PDB file of N, CA and C in Angstrom:
ATOM      1  N   MET A   1      15.173  34.580  11.140  1.00  0.00           N
ATOM      2  CA  MET A   1      14.785  34.382   9.721  1.00  0.00           C
ATOM      3  C   MET A   1      13.236  34.381   9.620  1.00  0.00           C
ATOM      4  N   THR A   2      12.742  35.123   8.699  1.00  0.00           N
ATOM      5  CA  THR A   2      11.278  35.086   8.446  1.00  0.00           C
ATOM      6  C   THR A   2      11.004  34.456   7.147  1.00  0.00           C
ATOM      7  N   THR A   3       9.854  33.861   7.033  1.00  0.00           N
ATOM      8  CA  THR A   3       9.433  33.268   5.793  1.00  0.00           C
ATOM      9  C   THR A   3       8.137  33.842   5.316  1.00  0.00           C
ATOM     10  N   SER A   4       7.887  33.874   4.050  1.00  0.00           N
ATOM     11  CA  SER A   4       6.661  34.382   3.481  1.00  0.00           C
ATOM     12  C   SER A   4       5.540  33.376   3.638  1.00  0.00           C
ATOM     13  N   ALA A   5       4.325  33.779   3.464  1.00  0.00           N
ATOM     14  CA  ALA A   5       3.191  32.914   3.597  1.00  0.00           C
ATOM     15  C   ALA A   5       3.102  31.779   2.561  1.00  0.00           C
ATOM     16  N   THR A   6       3.873  32.015   1.446  1.00  0.00           N
ATOM     17  CA  THR A   6       3.815  31.085   0.351  1.00  0.00           C
ATOM     18  C   THR A   6       4.901  30.000   0.458  1.00  0.00           C
ATOM     19  N   ASP A   7       5.876  30.188   1.401  1.00  0.00           N
ATOM     20  CA  ASP A   7       6.980  29.211   1.493  1.00  0.00           C
ATOM     21  C   ASP A   7       6.506  28.032   2.412  1.00  0.00           C
ATOM     22  N   PRO A   8       6.711  26.834   1.925  1.00  0.00           N
ATOM     23  CA  PRO A   8       6.417  25.676   2.731  1.00  0.00           C
ATOM     24  C   PRO A   8       7.373  25.561   3.917  1.00  0.00           C
ATOM     25  N   THR A   9       6.887  25.519   5.129  1.00  0.00           N
ATOM     26  CA  THR A   9       7.778  25.356   6.295  1.00  0.00           C
ATOM     27  C   THR A   9       7.323  24.143   7.066  1.00  0.00           C
ATOM     28  N   SER A  10       8.155  23.779   8.045  1.00  0.00           N
ATOM     29  CA  SER A  10       7.772  22.578   8.887  1.00  0.00           C
ATOM     30  C   SER A  10       6.539  22.918   9.719  1.00  0.00           C
ATOM     31  N   SER A  11       6.345  24.196  10.102  1.00  0.00           N
ATOM     32  CA  SER A  11       5.137  24.551  10.822  1.00  0.00           C
ATOM     33  C   SER A  11       3.841  24.356   9.967  1.00  0.00           C
ATOM     34  N   ASP A  12       4.043  24.661   8.652  1.00  0.00           N
ATOM     35  CA  ASP A  12       2.888  24.424   7.754  1.00  0.00           C
ATOM     36  C   ASP A  12       2.533  22.985   7.701  1.00  0.00           C
ATOM     37  N   THR A  13       3.521  22.088   7.657  1.00  0.00           N
ATOM     38  CA  THR A  13       3.377  20.635   7.574  1.00  0.00           C
ATOM     39  C   THR A  13       2.749  20.173   8.876  1.00  0.00           C
ATOM     40  N   ALA A  14       3.207  20.688   9.975  1.00  0.00           N
ATOM     41  CA  ALA A  14       2.623  20.348  11.302  1.00  0.00           C
ATOM     42  C   ALA A  14       1.226  20.738  11.331  1.00  0.00           C
ATOM     43  N   SER A  15       0.894  21.930  10.828  1.00  0.00           N
ATOM     44  CA  SER A  15      -0.496  22.441  10.851  1.00  0.00           C
ATOM     45  C   SER A  15      -1.432  21.541   9.987  1.00  0.00           C
ATOM     46  N   GLU A  16      -0.903  21.106   8.781  1.00  0.00           N
ATOM     47  CA  GLU A  16      -1.647  20.270   7.935  1.00  0.00           C
ATOM     48  C   GLU A  16      -1.885  18.891   8.598  1.00  0.00           C
ATOM     49  N   THR A  17      -0.906  18.388   9.273  1.00  0.00           N
ATOM     50  CA  THR A  17      -1.046  17.168   9.988  1.00  0.00           C
ATOM     51  C   THR A  17      -2.069  17.242  11.075  1.00  0.00           C
ATOM     52  N   ALA A  18      -2.039  18.348  11.804  1.00  0.00           N
ATOM     53  CA  ALA A  18      -3.051  18.528  12.877  1.00  0.00           C
ATOM     54  C   ALA A  18      -4.456  18.641  12.258  1.00  0.00           C
ATOM     55  N   THR A  19      -4.563  19.324  11.207  1.00  0.00           N
ATOM     56  CA  THR A  19      -5.801  19.571  10.536  1.00  0.00           C
ATOM     57  C   THR A  19      -6.353  18.179  10.019  1.00  0.00           C
ATOM     58  N   ALA A  20      -5.466  17.419   9.428  1.00  0.00           N
ATOM     59  CA  ALA A  20      -5.877  16.104   8.928  1.00  0.00           C
ATOM     60  C   ALA A  20      -6.253  15.159  10.106  1.00  0.00           C
ATOM     61  N   ALA A  21      -5.566  15.267  11.223  1.00  0.00           N
ATOM     62  CA  ALA A  21      -6.012  14.434  12.392  1.00  0.00           C
ATOM     63  C   ALA A  21      -7.319  14.889  12.889  1.00  0.00           C
ATOM     64  N   ALA A  22      -7.570  16.152  12.983  1.00  0.00           N
ATOM     65  CA  ALA A  22      -8.902  16.695  13.448  1.00  0.00           C
ATOM     66  C   ALA A  22     -10.038  16.258  12.473  1.00  0.00           C
ATOM     67  N   LEU A  23      -9.767  16.322  11.233  1.00  0.00           N
ATOM     68  CA  LEU A  23     -10.766  15.956  10.239  1.00  0.00           C
ATOM     69  C   LEU A  23     -11.063  14.486  10.347  1.00  0.00           C
ATOM     70  N   ARG A  24      -9.954  13.644  10.479  1.00  0.00           N
ATOM     71  CA  ARG A  24     -10.152  12.186  10.621  1.00  0.00           C
ATOM     72  C   ARG A  24     -11.007  11.851  11.887  1.00  0.00           C
ATOM     73  N   LYS A  25     -10.693  12.533  12.950  1.00  0.00           N
ATOM     74  CA  LYS A  25     -11.431  12.290  14.215  1.00  0.00           C
ATOM     75  C   LYS A  25     -12.909  12.650  14.027  1.00  0.00           C
ATOM     76  N   ALA A  26     -13.146  13.809  13.395  1.00  0.00           N
ATOM     77  CA  ALA A  26     -14.589  14.170  13.179  1.00  0.00           C
ATOM     78  C   ALA A  26     -15.256  13.265  12.287  1.00  0.00           C
ATOM     79  N   LEU A  27     -14.647  12.749  11.195  1.00  0.00           N
ATOM     80  CA  LEU A  27     -15.295  11.830  10.338  1.00  0.00           C
ATOM     81  C   LEU A  27     -15.648  10.494  11.033  1.00  0.00           C
ATOM     82  N   LEU A  28     -14.662   9.979  11.814  1.00  0.00           N
ATOM     83  CA  LEU A  28     -14.861   8.781  12.570  1.00  0.00           C
ATOM     84  C   LEU A  28     -16.014   8.966  13.543  1.00  0.00           C
ATOM     85  N   ALA A  29     -16.030  10.121  14.218  1.00  0.00           N
ATOM     86  CA  ALA A  29     -17.132  10.389  15.236  1.00  0.00           C
ATOM     87  C   ALA A  29     -18.450  10.499  14.613  1.00  0.00           C
ATOM     88  N   SER A  30     -18.537  10.978  13.337  1.00  0.00           N
ATOM     89  CA  SER A  30     -19.831  11.204  12.681  1.00  0.00           C
ATOM     90  C   SER A  30     -20.440   9.909  12.076  1.00  0.00           C
ATOM     91  N   ASP A  31     -19.649   8.842  11.973  1.00  0.00           N
ATOM     92  CA  ASP A  31     -20.147   7.578  11.422  1.00  0.00           C
ATOM     93  C   ASP A  31     -20.445   6.619  12.617  1.00  0.00           C
ATOM     94  N   PRO A  32     -21.682   6.265  12.825  1.00  0.00           N
ATOM     95  CA  PRO A  32     -22.034   5.430  13.996  1.00  0.00           C
ATOM     96  C   PRO A  32     -21.329   4.057  14.001  1.00  0.00           C
ATOM     97  N   GLU A  33     -21.096   3.542  12.772  1.00  0.00           N
ATOM     98  CA  GLU A  33     -20.491   2.262  12.616  1.00  0.00           C
ATOM     99  C   GLU A  33     -18.916   2.303  13.109  1.00  0.00           C
ATOM    100  N   LEU A  34     -18.305   3.388  12.676  1.00  0.00           N
ATOM    101  CA  LEU A  34     -16.845   3.501  12.915  1.00  0.00           C
ATOM    102  C   LEU A  34     -16.581   4.111  14.331  1.00  0.00           C
ATOM    103  N   SER A  35     -17.517   4.869  14.798  1.00  0.00           N
ATOM    104  CA  SER A  35     -17.228   5.564  16.104  1.00  0.00           C
ATOM    105  C   SER A  35     -17.200   4.622  17.263  1.00  0.00           C
ATOM    106  N   LYS A  36     -17.692   3.385  17.099  1.00  0.00           N
ATOM    107  CA  LYS A  36     -17.642   2.319  18.085  1.00  0.00           C
ATOM    108  C   LYS A  36     -16.211   1.806  18.393  1.00  0.00           C
ATOM    109  N   PHE A  37     -15.397   2.101  17.396  1.00  0.00           N
ATOM    110  CA  PHE A  37     -14.032   1.458  17.396  1.00  0.00           C
ATOM    111  C   PHE A  37     -12.969   2.544  17.504  1.00  0.00           C
ATOM    112  N   ASN A  38     -11.795   2.076  17.708  1.00  0.00           N
ATOM    113  CA  ASN A  38     -10.626   2.930  17.711  1.00  0.00           C
ATOM    114  C   ASN A  38      -9.650   2.374  16.595  1.00  0.00           C
ATOM    115  N   PRO A  39      -9.946   2.673  15.355  1.00  0.00           N
ATOM    116  CA  PRO A  39      -9.200   2.008  14.287  1.00  0.00           C
ATOM    117  C   PRO A  39      -7.728   2.477  14.154  1.00  0.00           C
ATOM    118  N   LEU A  40      -7.039   1.789  13.434  1.00  0.00           N
ATOM    119  CA  LEU A  40      -5.641   2.264  13.127  1.00  0.00           C
ATOM    120  C   LEU A  40      -5.661   3.544  12.348  1.00  0.00           C
ATOM    121  N   ASP A  41      -4.565   4.157  12.221  1.00  0.00           N
ATOM    122  CA  ASP A  41      -4.495   5.465  11.461  1.00  0.00           C
ATOM    123  C   ASP A  41      -4.947   5.253   9.996  1.00  0.00           C
ATOM    124  N   ARG A  42      -4.703   4.114   9.465  1.00  0.00           N
ATOM    125  CA  ARG A  42      -5.099   3.818   8.063  1.00  0.00           C
ATOM    126  C   ARG A  42      -6.091   2.654   8.079  1.00  0.00           C
ATOM    127  N   ILE A  43      -7.345   2.893   7.661  1.00  0.00           N
ATOM    128  CA  ILE A  43      -8.298   1.859   7.644  1.00  0.00           C
ATOM    129  C   ILE A  43      -8.140   1.134   6.255  1.00  0.00           C
ATOM    130  N   LEU A  44      -7.966  -0.202   6.358  1.00  0.00           N
ATOM    131  CA  LEU A  44      -7.754  -0.970   5.134  1.00  0.00           C
ATOM    132  C   LEU A  44      -9.025  -1.366   4.518  1.00  0.00           C
ATOM    133  N   ALA A  45      -9.999  -1.713   5.331  1.00  0.00           N
ATOM    134  CA  ALA A  45     -11.360  -2.118   4.834  1.00  0.00           C
ATOM    135  C   ALA A  45     -12.356  -1.971   5.935  1.00  0.00           C
ATOM    136  N   HIS A  46     -13.556  -1.536   5.557  1.00  0.00           N
ATOM    137  CA  HIS A  46     -14.671  -1.446   6.498  1.00  0.00           C
ATOM    138  C   HIS A  46     -15.837  -1.998   5.745  1.00  0.00           C
ATOM    139  N   ASP A  47     -16.305  -3.105   6.159  1.00  0.00           N
ATOM    140  CA  ASP A  47     -17.493  -3.845   5.490  1.00  0.00           C
ATOM    141  C   ASP A  47     -18.627  -3.847   6.467  1.00  0.00           C
ATOM    142  N   GLN A  48     -19.744  -3.289   6.021  1.00  0.00           N
ATOM    143  CA  GLN A  48     -21.001  -3.457   6.748  1.00  0.00           C
ATOM    144  C   GLN A  48     -21.675  -4.723   6.186  1.00  0.00           C
ATOM    145  N   PHE A  49     -21.729  -5.663   7.037  1.00  0.00           N
ATOM    146  CA  PHE A  49     -22.146  -7.076   6.608  1.00  0.00           C
ATOM    147  C   PHE A  49     -23.596  -7.011   6.110  1.00  0.00           C
ATOM    148  N   GLU A  50     -24.420  -6.129   6.524  1.00  0.00           N
ATOM    149  CA  GLU A  50     -25.821  -6.094   6.096  1.00  0.00           C
ATOM    150  C   GLU A  50     -25.940  -5.480   4.730  1.00  0.00           C
ATOM    151  N   THR A  51     -25.038  -4.534   4.397  1.00  0.00           N
ATOM    152  CA  THR A  51     -25.219  -3.770   3.140  1.00  0.00           C
ATOM    153  C   THR A  51     -24.019  -3.848   2.294  1.00  0.00           C
ATOM    154  N   GLY A  52     -22.882  -4.261   2.783  1.00  0.00           N
ATOM    155  CA  GLY A  52     -21.621  -4.267   2.024  1.00  0.00           C
ATOM    156  C   GLY A  52     -21.447  -5.521   1.275  1.00  0.00           C
ATOM    157  N   THR A  53     -20.246  -6.080   1.331  1.00  0.00           N
ATOM    158  CA  THR A  53     -19.820  -7.273   0.542  1.00  0.00           C
ATOM    159  C   THR A  53     -20.094  -8.567   1.416  1.00  0.00           C
ATOM    160  N   HIS A  54     -20.721  -8.390   2.519  1.00  0.00           N
ATOM    161  CA  HIS A  54     -21.202  -9.506   3.398  1.00  0.00           C
ATOM    162  C   HIS A  54     -19.984 -10.298   3.751  1.00  0.00           C
ATOM    163  N   GLY A  55     -18.800  -9.722   3.945  1.00  0.00           N
ATOM    164  CA  GLY A  55     -17.651 -10.432   4.458  1.00  0.00           C
ATOM    165  C   GLY A  55     -16.879 -11.192   3.377  1.00  0.00           C
ATOM    166  N   TRP A  56     -17.402 -11.140   2.147  1.00  0.00           N
ATOM    167  CA  TRP A  56     -16.750 -11.907   1.029  1.00  0.00           C
ATOM    168  C   TRP A  56     -15.635 -11.078   0.419  1.00  0.00           C
ATOM    169  N   THR A  57     -14.815 -10.512   1.258  1.00  0.00           N
ATOM    170  CA  THR A  57     -13.661  -9.733   0.769  1.00  0.00           C
ATOM    171  C   THR A  57     -12.372 -10.368   1.173  1.00  0.00           C
ATOM    172  N   GLU A  58     -11.580 -10.726   0.256  1.00  0.00           N
ATOM    173  CA  GLU A  58     -10.332 -11.392   0.671  1.00  0.00           C
ATOM    174  C   GLU A  58      -9.270 -10.355   0.904  1.00  0.00           C
ATOM    175  N   LEU A  59      -8.789 -10.308   2.055  1.00  0.00           N
ATOM    176  CA  LEU A  59      -7.738  -9.360   2.425  1.00  0.00           C
ATOM    177  C   LEU A  59      -6.527 -10.164   2.743  1.00  0.00           C
ATOM    178  N   ILE A  60      -5.513  -9.960   1.842  1.00  0.00           N
ATOM    179  CA  ILE A  60      -4.255 -10.740   2.041  1.00  0.00           C
ATOM    180  C   ILE A  60      -3.138  -9.775   2.409  1.00  0.00           C
ATOM    181  N   GLY A  61      -2.290 -10.265   3.194  1.00  0.00           N
ATOM    182  CA  GLY A  61      -1.108  -9.451   3.575  1.00  0.00           C
ATOM    183  C   GLY A  61      -0.039  -9.474   2.639  1.00  0.00           C
ATOM    184  N   ASN A  62       0.578  -8.330   2.371  1.00  0.00           N
ATOM    185  CA  ASN A  62       1.721  -8.233   1.499  1.00  0.00           C
ATOM    186  C   ASN A  62       2.627  -7.179   2.170  1.00  0.00           C
ATOM    187  N   TYR A  63       3.300  -7.642   3.181  1.00  0.00           N
ATOM    188  CA  TYR A  63       3.884  -6.627   4.141  1.00  0.00           C
ATOM    189  C   TYR A  63       5.291  -6.308   3.864  1.00  0.00           C
ATOM    190  N   ASP A  64       5.813  -6.605   2.723  1.00  0.00           N
ATOM    191  CA  ASP A  64       7.204  -6.187   2.441  1.00  0.00           C
ATOM    192  C   ASP A  64       7.319  -4.716   1.971  1.00  0.00           C
ATOM    193  N   GLY A  65       6.249  -4.074   1.741  1.00  0.00           N
ATOM    194  CA  GLY A  65       6.262  -2.707   1.388  1.00  0.00           C
ATOM    195  C   GLY A  65       6.568  -2.400  -0.020  1.00  0.00           C
ATOM    196  N   ARG A  66       6.780  -3.386  -0.861  1.00  0.00           N
ATOM    197  CA  ARG A  66       7.134  -3.162  -2.253  1.00  0.00           C
ATOM    198  C   ARG A  66       6.124  -3.774  -3.200  1.00  0.00           C
ATOM    199  N   GLY A  67       4.998  -4.392  -2.721  1.00  0.00           N
ATOM    200  CA  GLY A  67       4.013  -4.920  -3.590  1.00  0.00           C
ATOM    201  C   GLY A  67       4.405  -6.154  -4.288  1.00  0.00           C
ATOM    202  N   ASN A  68       5.336  -6.892  -3.677  1.00  0.00           N
ATOM    203  CA  ASN A  68       5.905  -8.161  -4.274  1.00  0.00           C
ATOM    204  C   ASN A  68       4.935  -9.316  -3.887  1.00  0.00           C
ATOM    205  N   LEU A  69       4.244  -9.871  -4.964  1.00  0.00           N
ATOM    206  CA  LEU A  69       3.273 -10.908  -4.690  1.00  0.00           C
ATOM    207  C   LEU A  69       4.012 -12.275  -4.409  1.00  0.00           C
ATOM    208  N   ASP A  70       5.346 -12.333  -4.571  1.00  0.00           N
ATOM    209  CA  ASP A  70       6.095 -13.535  -4.230  1.00  0.00           C
ATOM    210  C   ASP A  70       6.069 -13.752  -2.731  1.00  0.00           C
ATOM    211  N   THR A  71       5.740 -12.750  -1.927  1.00  0.00           N
ATOM    212  CA  THR A  71       5.697 -12.912  -0.462  1.00  0.00           C
ATOM    213  C   THR A  71       4.393 -13.438  -0.006  1.00  0.00           C
ATOM    214  N   VAL A  72       3.389 -13.550  -0.846  1.00  0.00           N
ATOM    215  CA  VAL A  72       2.054 -14.054  -0.438  1.00  0.00           C
ATOM    216  C   VAL A  72       2.072 -15.582  -0.467  1.00  0.00           C
ATOM    217  N   ASP A  73       1.478 -16.171   0.609  1.00  0.00           N
ATOM    218  CA  ASP A  73       1.458 -17.644   0.665  1.00  0.00           C
ATOM    219  C   ASP A  73       0.812 -18.227  -0.578  1.00  0.00           C
ATOM    220  N   ASP A  74       1.231 -19.456  -1.008  1.00  0.00           N
ATOM    221  CA  ASP A  74       0.730 -20.020  -2.217  1.00  0.00           C
ATOM    222  C   ASP A  74      -0.757 -20.251  -2.234  1.00  0.00           C
ATOM    223  N   HIS A  75      -1.326 -20.586  -1.060  1.00  0.00           N
ATOM    224  CA  HIS A  75      -2.782 -20.845  -1.070  1.00  0.00           C
ATOM    225  C   HIS A  75      -3.617 -19.525  -1.182  1.00  0.00           C
ATOM    226  N   MET A  76      -2.921 -18.354  -1.016  1.00  0.00           N
ATOM    227  CA  MET A  76      -3.676 -17.083  -1.185  1.00  0.00           C
ATOM    228  C   MET A  76      -3.503 -16.398  -2.466  1.00  0.00           C
ATOM    229  N   ARG A  77      -2.744 -17.039  -3.411  1.00  0.00           N
ATOM    230  CA  ARG A  77      -2.495 -16.365  -4.732  1.00  0.00           C
ATOM    231  C   ARG A  77      -3.742 -16.598  -5.639  1.00  0.00           C
ATOM    232  N   ASP A  78      -3.929 -15.684  -6.591  1.00  0.00           N
ATOM    233  CA  ASP A  78      -4.997 -15.837  -7.525  1.00  0.00           C
ATOM    234  C   ASP A  78      -4.606 -16.808  -8.609  1.00  0.00           C
TER     235      ASP A  78
END
């Protein structure tokens, strides 16, 4: 079976994933602050303490995957 160039196929998705991974690697390598680390696939926050928010960023976990604030500890609620 052959597919045309306009049909989405799994090989197209794999190619896009590989391209995204290569782009991510290049971006991380080009930033001296990030290239020191091996961050997770998804960077949640990157604060440069000298020029950013100076660490005054509250990052709270909400790990149920549904955005339910009932899962956040009482002392972390707004």
